[in-house]
C-alpha atoms as a PDB file:
ATOM      1  CA  UNK A   1      16.315  -9.245   1.786  1.00  0.00           C
ATOM      2  CA  UNK A   2      15.356 -10.894  -1.887  1.00  0.00           C
ATOM      3  CA  UNK A   3      12.980 -13.403   0.040  1.00  0.00           C
ATOM      4  CA  UNK A   4      10.031 -12.919   1.514  1.00  0.00           C
ATOM      5  CA  UNK A   5      10.221 -15.848   4.650  1.00  0.00           C
ATOM      6  CA  UNK A   6      13.413 -13.713   5.950  1.00  0.00           C
ATOM      7  CA  UNK A   7      10.729 -10.836   7.141  1.00  0.00           C
ATOM      8  CA  UNK A   8       9.260 -11.433  10.600  1.00  0.00           C
ATOM      9  CA  UNK A   9       5.695 -11.700  10.427  1.00  0.00           C
ATOM     10  CA  UNK A  10       3.328 -11.124  13.664  1.00  0.00           C
ATOM     11  CA  UNK A  11       0.000 -11.953  11.958  1.00  0.00           C
ATOM     12  CA  UNK A  12      -1.308 -15.060  10.149  1.00  0.00           C
ATOM     13  CA  UNK A  13      -0.988 -15.067   6.532  1.00  0.00           C
ATOM     14  CA  UNK A  14      -3.058 -17.930   4.956  1.00  0.00           C
ATOM     15  CA  UNK A  15      -2.181 -20.295   2.172  1.00  0.00           C
ATOM     16  CA  UNK A  16      -3.183 -18.197  -0.595  1.00  0.00           C
ATOM     17  CA  UNK A  17      -1.791 -15.089   0.744  1.00  0.00           C
ATOM     18  CA  UNK A  18       1.546 -17.096   1.271  1.00  0.00           C
ATOM     19  CA  UNK A  19       1.245 -18.384  -2.314  1.00  0.00           C
ATOM     20  CA  UNK A  20       0.830 -14.631  -3.572  1.00  0.00           C
ATOM     21  CA  UNK A  21       4.176 -13.460  -1.621  1.00  0.00           C
ATOM     22  CA  UNK A  22       5.970 -16.286  -3.051  1.00  0.00           C
ATOM     23  CA  UNK A  23       4.881 -15.098  -6.582  1.00  0.00           C
ATOM     24  CA  UNK A  24       5.975 -11.676  -5.988  1.00  0.00           C
ATOM     25  CA  UNK A  25       9.189 -12.179  -3.688  1.00  0.00           C
ATOM     26  CA  UNK A  26      11.639 -10.472  -5.533  1.00  0.00           C
ATOM     27  CA  UNK A  27       9.870  -7.335  -6.134  1.00  0.00           C
ATOM     28  CA  UNK A  28       8.293  -7.652  -2.448  1.00  0.00           C
ATOM     29  CA  UNK A  29      12.015  -7.776  -1.129  1.00  0.00           C
ATOM     30  CA  UNK A  30      13.246  -4.899  -3.612  1.00  0.00           C
ATOM     31  CA  UNK A  31      11.204  -2.242  -1.678  1.00  0.00           C
ATOM     32  CA  UNK A  32      12.917  -2.944   1.309  1.00  0.00           C
ATOM     33  CA  UNK A  33      16.026  -2.192   0.071  1.00  0.00           C
ATOM     34  CA  UNK A  34      14.941   1.128  -2.043  1.00  0.00           C
ATOM     35  CA  UNK A  35      17.233   4.029  -1.574  1.00  0.00           C
ATOM     36  CA  UNK A  36      14.176   5.869  -0.977  1.00  0.00           C
ATOM     37  CA  UNK A  37      12.972   3.496   1.851  1.00  0.00           C
ATOM     38  CA  UNK A  38      16.347   3.398   3.030  1.00  0.00           C
ATOM     39  CA  UNK A  39      17.120   7.162   3.640  1.00  0.00           C
ATOM     40  CA  UNK A  40      13.682   7.886   5.000  1.00  0.00           C
ATOM     41  CA  UNK A  41      14.607   5.264   8.239  1.00  0.00           C
ATOM     42  CA  UNK A  42      17.855   6.782   8.379  1.00  0.00           C
ATOM     43  CA  UNK A  43      16.349  10.301   8.159  1.00  0.00           C
ATOM     44  CA  UNK A  44      18.493  11.181   5.517  1.00  0.00           C
ATOM     45  CA  UNK A  45      15.903  11.658   3.003  1.00  0.00           C
ATOM     46  CA  UNK A  46      15.720  15.129   1.550  1.00  0.00           C
ATOM     47  CA  UNK A  47      12.253  16.829   2.053  1.00  0.00           C
ATOM     48  CA  UNK A  48      11.538  17.553  -1.246  1.00  0.00           C
ATOM     49  CA  UNK A  49      11.617  14.242  -2.188  1.00  0.00           C
ATOM     50  CA  UNK A  50       9.536  12.950   0.771  1.00  0.00           C
ATOM     51  CA  UNK A  51       7.032  15.973  -0.352  1.00  0.00           C
ATOM     52  CA  UNK A  52       6.425  14.889  -3.739  1.00  0.00           C
ATOM     53  CA  UNK A  53       6.144  11.205  -2.390  1.00  0.00           C
ATOM     54  CA  UNK A  54       3.026  12.450   0.035  1.00  0.00           C
ATOM     55  CA  UNK A  55       1.412  14.669  -2.555  1.00  0.00           C
ATOM     56  CA  UNK A  56       1.423  11.902  -4.902  1.00  0.00           C
ATOM     57  CA  UNK A  57       0.827   9.475  -2.078  1.00  0.00           C
ATOM     58  CA  UNK A  58      -2.722  11.372  -1.070  1.00  0.00           C
ATOM     59  CA  UNK A  59      -4.091  11.037  -4.543  1.00  0.00           C
ATOM     60  CA  UNK A  60      -3.437   7.292  -4.650  1.00  0.00           C
ATOM     61  CA  UNK A  61      -5.238   6.613  -1.682  1.00  0.00           C
ATOM     62  CA  UNK A  62      -8.277   8.205  -3.193  1.00  0.00           C
ATOM     63  CA  UNK A  63      -8.468   5.638  -6.116  1.00  0.00           C
ATOM     64  CA  UNK A  64      -7.278   3.077  -3.390  1.00  0.00           C
ATOM     65  CA  UNK A  65     -10.529   4.224  -1.662  1.00  0.00           C
ATOM     66  CA  UNK A  66     -12.213   3.997  -4.922  1.00  0.00           C
ATOM     67  CA  UNK A  67     -11.677   0.073  -5.459  1.00  0.00           C
ATOM     68  CA  UNK A  68     -12.038  -0.684  -1.766  1.00  0.00           C
ATOM     69  CA  UNK A  69     -15.706   1.115  -2.475  1.00  0.00           C
ATOM     70  CA  UNK A  70     -16.137  -1.291  -5.734  1.00  0.00           C
ATOM     71  CA  UNK A  71     -15.407  -4.488  -4.211  1.00  0.00           C
ATOM     72  CA  UNK A  72     -17.983  -3.561  -1.654  1.00  0.00           C
ATOM     73  CA  UNK A  73     -20.556  -3.512  -3.889  1.00  0.00           C
ATOM     74  CA  UNK A  74     -19.665  -6.913  -5.374  1.00  0.00           C
ATOM     75  CA  UNK A  75     -19.622  -8.587  -1.984  1.00  0.00           C
ATOM     76  CA  UNK A  76     -22.387 -10.694  -0.881  1.00  0.00           C
ATOM     77  CA  UNK A  77     -22.156 -10.725   2.645  1.00  0.00           C
ATOM     78  CA  UNK A  78     -23.236  -7.761   4.879  1.00  0.00           C
ATOM     79  CA  UNK A  79     -20.270  -7.614   6.632  1.00  0.00           C
ATOM     80  CA  UNK A  80     -17.573  -8.166   3.709  1.00  0.00           C
ATOM     81  CA  UNK A  81     -19.510  -5.271   2.392  1.00  0.00           C
ATOM     82  CA  UNK A  82     -19.015  -3.166   5.411  1.00  0.00           C
ATOM     83  CA  UNK A  83     -15.284  -3.629   5.755  1.00  0.00           C
ATOM     84  CA  UNK A  84     -14.567  -2.634   2.459  1.00  0.00           C
ATOM     85  CA  UNK A  85     -16.581   0.737   3.062  1.00  0.00           C
ATOM     86  CA  UNK A  86     -14.583   0.937   6.322  1.00  0.00           C
ATOM     87  CA  UNK A  87     -11.217   0.482   4.819  1.00  0.00           C
ATOM     88  CA  UNK A  88     -12.298   3.158   1.917  1.00  0.00           C
ATOM     89  CA  UNK A  89     -13.129   5.223   5.064  1.00  0.00           C
ATOM     90  CA  UNK A  90     -10.089   4.866   6.430  1.00  0.00           C
ATOM     91  CA  UNK A  91      -8.064   5.345   3.739  1.00  0.00           C
ATOM     92  CA  UNK A  92      -9.222   8.893   3.207  1.00  0.00           C
ATOM     93  CA  UNK A  93      -9.779   9.934   6.819  1.00  0.00           C
ATOM     94  CA  UNK A  94      -6.842   8.466   8.774  1.00  0.00           C
ATOM     95  CA  UNK A  95      -4.229   8.767   6.256  1.00  0.00           C
ATOM     96  CA  UNK A  96      -5.312  12.397   5.130  1.00  0.00           C
ATOM     97  CA  UNK A  97      -4.475  13.123   8.401  1.00  0.00           C
ATOM     98  CA  UNK A  98      -0.937  12.535   8.354  1.00  0.00           C
ATOM     99  CA  UNK A  99      -0.908  14.100   4.871  1.00  0.00           C
ATOM    100  CA  UNK A 100      -2.488  17.365   6.307  1.00  0.00           C
ATOM    101  CA  UNK A 101       0.268  17.214   9.289  1.00  0.00           C
ATOM    102  CA  UNK A 102       2.979  16.777   6.748  1.00  0.00           C
ATOM    103  CA  UNK A 103       1.411  19.220   4.420  1.00  0.00           C
ATOM    104  CA  UNK A 104       2.168  21.914   7.267  1.00  0.00           C
ATOM    105  CA  UNK A 105       5.757  20.972   7.923  1.00  0.00           C
ATOM    106  CA  UNK A 106       6.412  20.637   4.243  1.00  0.00           C
ATOM    107  CA  UNK A 107       4.491  23.643   2.892  1.00  0.00           C
ATOM    108  CA  UNK A 108       1.613  21.974   0.787  1.00  0.00           C
ATOM    109  CA  UNK A 109      -2.328  22.123   1.398  1.00  0.00           C
ATOM    110  CA  UNK A 110      -4.908  19.627   0.655  1.00  0.00           C
ATOM    111  CA  UNK A 111      -6.121  21.960  -1.994  1.00  0.00           C
ATOM    112  CA  UNK A 112      -2.754  21.679  -3.760  1.00  0.00           C
ATOM    113  CA  UNK A 113      -2.818  18.145  -3.760  1.00  0.00           C
ATOM    114  CA  UNK A 114      -5.896  18.186  -5.281  1.00  0.00           C
ATOM    115  CA  UNK A 115      -4.340  20.096  -8.274  1.00  0.00           C
ATOM    116  CA  UNK A 116      -1.032  17.946  -8.780  1.00  0.00           C
ATOM    117  CA  UNK A 117      -0.666  16.200 -11.923  1.00  0.00           C
ATOM    118  CA  UNK A 118      -0.231  12.237 -11.441  1.00  0.00           C
ATOM    119  CA  UNK A 119       2.875  11.001 -12.476  1.00  0.00           C
ATOM    120  CA  UNK A 120       2.907   7.957 -15.228  1.00  0.00           C
ATOM    121  CA  UNK A 121       3.663   5.234 -12.689  1.00  0.00           C
ATOM    122  CA  UNK A 122       0.944   6.877  -9.847  1.00  0.00           C
ATOM    123  CA  UNK A 123      -1.486   6.941 -12.873  1.00  0.00           C
ATOM    124  CA  UNK A 124      -0.765   3.302 -13.997  1.00  0.00           C
ATOM    125  CA  UNK A 125      -1.128   2.051 -10.372  1.00  0.00           C
ATOM    126  CA  UNK A 126      -4.511   3.697  -9.951  1.00  0.00           C
ATOM    127  CA  UNK A 127      -5.490   2.412 -13.148  1.00  0.00           C
ATOM    128  CA  UNK A 128      -4.753  -1.181 -12.465  1.00  0.00           C
ATOM    129  CA  UNK A 129      -6.560  -1.024  -9.073  1.00  0.00           C
ATOM    130  CA  UNK A 130      -9.544   0.412 -10.710  1.00  0.00           C
ATOM    131  CA  UNK A 131      -9.716  -1.648 -13.739  1.00  0.00           C
ATOM    132  CA  UNK A 132      -9.206  -5.151 -11.655  1.00  0.00           C
ATOM    133  CA  UNK A 133     -12.016  -3.851  -9.431  1.00  0.00           C
ATOM    134  CA  UNK A 134     -14.532  -3.783 -12.214  1.00  0.00           C
ATOM    135  CA  UNK A 135     -13.671  -6.519 -14.512  1.00  0.00           C
ATOM    136  CA  UNK A 136     -11.657  -9.031 -12.509  1.00  0.00           C
ATOM    137  CA  UNK A 137     -13.260 -11.672 -10.325  1.00  0.00           C
ATOM    138  CA  UNK A 138     -13.818 -10.708  -6.386  1.00  0.00           C
ATOM    139  CA  UNK A 139     -10.462 -12.361  -5.612  1.00  0.00           C
ATOM    140  CA  UNK A 140      -8.589 -10.547  -8.113  1.00  0.00           C
ATOM    141  CA  UNK A 141     -10.278  -7.243  -7.210  1.00  0.00           C
ATOM    142  CA  UNK A 142      -8.761  -7.895  -3.414  1.00  0.00           C
ATOM    143  CA  UNK A 143      -5.235  -9.314  -4.604  1.00  0.00           C
ATOM    144  CA  UNK A 144      -4.723  -5.880  -6.320  1.00  0.00           C
ATOM    145  CA  UNK A 145      -5.482  -3.641  -3.159  1.00  0.00           C
ATOM    146  CA  UNK A 146      -4.176  -6.182  -0.850  1.00  0.00           C
ATOM    147  CA  UNK A 147      -0.054  -5.469  -1.388  1.00  0.00           C
ATOM    148  CA  UNK A 148      -0.456  -1.338  -0.469  1.00  0.00           C
ATOM    149  CA  UNK A 149      -1.491  -1.673   3.238  1.00  0.00           C
ATOM    150  CA  UNK A 150       0.221  -5.096   3.641  1.00  0.00           C
ATOM    151  CA  UNK A 151       3.666  -3.919   2.433  1.00  0.00           C
ATOM    152  CA  UNK A 152       3.327  -0.600   4.285  1.00  0.00           C
ATOM    153  CA  UNK A 153       2.591  -2.452   7.494  1.00  0.00           C
ATOM    154  CA  UNK A 154       5.145  -5.189   7.517  1.00  0.00           C
ATOM    155  CA  UNK A 155       7.688  -2.133   6.089  1.00  0.00           C
ATOM    156  CA  UNK A 156       6.429  -0.026   8.962  1.00  0.00           C
ATOM    157  CA  UNK A 157       7.318  -2.878  11.833  1.00  0.00           C
ATOM    158  CA  UNK A 158      10.552  -4.102   9.805  1.00  0.00           C
ATOM    159  CA  UNK A 159      11.787  -0.662  10.224  1.00  0.00           C
ATOM    160  CA  UNK A 160      10.679  -0.229  13.707  1.00  0.00           C
ATOM    161  CA  UNK A 161      12.681  -3.011  15.122  1.00  0.00           C
ATOM    162  CA  UNK A 162      15.709  -2.201  13.103  1.00  0.00           C
ATOM    163  CA  UNK A 163      15.842   1.415  14.521  1.00  0.00           C
ATOM    164  CA  UNK A 164      14.525   0.846  17.883  1.00  0.00           C
ATOM    165  CA  UNK A 165      13.096   3.551  19.958  1.00  0.00           C
ATOM    166  CA  UNK A 166      12.012   6.316  16.955  1.00  0.00           C
ATOM    167  CA  UNK A 167      13.350   9.580  18.289  1.00  0.00           C
ATOM    168  CA  UNK A 168      11.054  12.538  17.949  1.00  0.00           C
ATOM    169  CA  UNK A 169      13.410  14.822  16.344  1.00  0.00           C
ATOM    170  CA  UNK A 170      13.470  12.098  13.271  1.00  0.00           C
ATOM    171  CA  UNK A 171      11.818  13.814  10.739  1.00  0.00           C
ATOM    172  CA  UNK A 172       9.474  11.323   9.683  1.00  0.00           C
ATOM    173  CA  UNK A 173       8.585   9.953  12.855  1.00  0.00           C
ATOM    174  CA  UNK A 174       5.268  10.445  12.442  1.00  0.00           C
ATOM    175  CA  UNK A 175       5.381   8.386   9.184  1.00  0.00           C
ATOM    176  CA  UNK A 176       7.073   5.179  10.914  1.00  0.00           C
ATOM    177  CA  UNK A 177       5.299   5.296  14.206  1.00  0.00           C
ATOM    178  CA  UNK A 178       1.915   5.247  12.094  1.00  0.00           C
ATOM    179  CA  UNK A 179       2.937   2.141   9.756  1.00  0.00           C
ATOM    180  CA  UNK A 180       4.649   0.528  12.930  1.00  0.00           C
ATOM    181  CA  UNK A 181       1.707   0.565  14.704  1.00  0.00           C
ATOM    182  CA  UNK A 182       0.378  -3.072  15.445  1.00  0.00           C
ATOM    183  CA  UNK A 183      -3.246  -1.985  15.651  1.00  0.00           C
ATOM    184  CA  UNK A 184      -3.036  -2.405  11.703  1.00  0.00           C
ATOM    185  CA  UNK A 185      -2.427  -6.412  12.298  1.00  0.00           C
ATOM    186  CA  UNK A 186      -6.089  -6.874  12.919  1.00  0.00           C
ATOM    187  CA  UNK A 187      -6.463  -4.904   9.818  1.00  0.00           C
ATOM    188  CA  UNK A 188      -4.489  -7.308   8.076  1.00  0.00           C
ATOM    189  CA  UNK A 189      -5.785 -10.619   9.289  1.00  0.00           C
ATOM    190  CA  UNK A 190      -9.073  -9.401   8.507  1.00  0.00           C
ATOM    191  CA  UNK A 191      -8.238  -8.647   4.697  1.00  0.00           C
ATOM    192  CA  UNK A 192      -6.002 -11.961   4.404  1.00  0.00           C
ATOM    193  CA  UNK A 193      -9.082 -13.835   5.642  1.00  0.00           C
ATOM    194  CA  UNK A 194     -11.417 -12.606   2.875  1.00  0.00           C
ATOM    195  CA  UNK A 195      -8.549 -12.831   0.124  1.00  0.00           C
ATOM    196  CA  UNK A 196      -8.541 -16.434   1.324  1.00  0.00           C
ATOM    197  CA  UNK A 197     -12.211 -17.147   1.393  1.00  0.00           C
ATOM    198  CA  UNK A 198     -12.730 -15.519  -1.904  1.00  0.00           C
ATOM    199  CA  UNK A 199      -9.604 -17.710  -3.378  1.00  0.00           C
ATOM    200  CA  UNK A 200     -11.407 -20.621  -2.163  1.00  0.00           C
ATOM    201  CA  UNK A 201     -14.510 -19.668  -3.962  1.00  0.00           C
ATOM    202  CA  UNK A 202     -12.779 -18.853  -7.175  1.00  0.00           C
ATOM    203  CA  UNK A 203     -11.592 -21.619  -9.782  1.00  0.00           C
ATOM    204  CA  UNK A 204      -7.788 -22.522 -10.715  1.00  0.00           C
ATOM    205  CA  UNK A 205      -7.782 -19.705 -13.471  1.00  0.00           C
ATOM    206  CA  UNK A 206      -9.219 -16.828 -11.194  1.00  0.00           C
ATOM    207  CA  UNK A 207      -6.430 -17.533  -8.737  1.00  0.00           C
ATOM    208  CA  UNK A 208      -3.637 -17.463 -10.757  1.00  0.00           C
ATOM    209  CA  UNK A 209      -4.843 -14.229 -12.100  1.00  0.00           C
ATOM    210  CA  UNK A 210      -5.188 -12.993  -8.857  1.00  0.00           C
ATOM    211  CA  UNK A 211      -1.554 -13.944  -8.051  1.00  0.00           C
ATOM    212  CA  UNK A 212      -0.534 -11.733 -11.327  1.00  0.00           C
ATOM    213  CA  UNK A 213      -2.653  -9.112 -10.246  1.00  0.00           C
ATOM    214  CA  UNK A 214      -0.746  -9.397  -6.483  1.00  0.00           C
ATOM    215  CA  UNK A 215       2.454  -9.182  -8.220  1.00  0.00           C
ATOM    216  CA  UNK A 216       1.608  -6.369 -10.765  1.00  0.00           C
ATOM    217  CA  UNK A 217       1.072  -4.066  -7.423  1.00  0.00           C
ATOM    218  CA  UNK A 218       4.052  -4.822  -5.333  1.00  0.00           C
ATOM    219  CA  UNK A 219       5.640  -3.820  -8.555  1.00  0.00           C
ATOM    220  CA  UNK A 220       3.730  -0.704  -8.691  1.00  0.00           C
ATOM    221  CA  UNK A 221       4.728  -0.492  -4.746  1.00  0.00           C
ATOM    222  CA  UNK A 222       8.686  -0.433  -5.876  1.00  0.00           C
ATOM    223  CA  UNK A 223       7.730   2.199  -8.391  1.00  0.00           C
ATOM    224  CA  UNK A 224       6.110   4.121  -6.274  1.00  0.00           C
ATOM    225  CA  UNK A 225       9.261   4.749  -4.505  1.00  0.00           C
ATOM    226  CA  UNK A 226      11.591   5.095  -7.572  1.00  0.00           C
ATOM    227  CA  UNK A 227       9.114   7.830  -8.941  1.00  0.00           C
ATOM    228  CA  UNK A 228       9.478   9.803  -5.451  1.00  0.00           C
ATOM    229  CA  UNK A 229      13.264   9.056  -5.802  1.00  0.00           C
ATOM    230  CA  UNK A 230      13.503  10.746  -9.098  1.00  0.00           C
ATOM    231  CA  UNK A 231      10.602  13.366  -8.932  1.00  0.00           C
ATOM    232  CA  UNK A 232       8.886  11.658 -11.950  1.00  0.00           C
ATOM    233  CA  UNK A 233       7.425  13.720 -14.713  1.00  0.00           C
ATOM    234  CA  UNK A 234       6.293  13.006 -17.964  1.00  0.00           C
ATOM    235  CA  UNK A 235       8.784  12.956 -20.677  1.00  0.00           C
ATOM    236  CA  UNK A 236       6.749  14.940 -22.768  1.00  0.00           C
END
């Protein structure tokens, strides 16, 4: 899966989003092949690695919500403001339910999540999103947050097609079912429509920076799997 066009998509990908994908094709496909993802799909991923991932991911989503909130303040149209405010809410509320559920299974609380030390990769990814949301153009800011939901939704649906029916006995059934839910397709169409509109309103230099911001986030997504696979800690 080295090329993005080999991945089946069930929602429309506008031209600028397609250009972003093409710029990030190698890194995008690498997430689908990562050993963490493969072990998660097969149900062989050990619980400690998944626990590490879930706790770091919960903290990442706080920064994702912050970035969406910052983007909302920069939107002119009220409907765009509301959409990004809702995206921030979903990141905190809907995904928090998934993390809380796995916390009960894997033995951690939301209070413990709040106290963990961010990994180097997690901190760097958060800083990239927040800095771009604050200092980049609007199209750059949206491009930086787009890979996270897009990759997860596409990955979840790809794994669901690959696995077929997900049995209740699968240790990560809740994760697989959440991200394969077709209800997310509308979310992606709305996000990509805004990315396209903001790209059209920007100049060519801003669009090129936005593609770079998108690529950097895609790389950080791969690094997020890697840091969980290694249970990464600061070296000193």
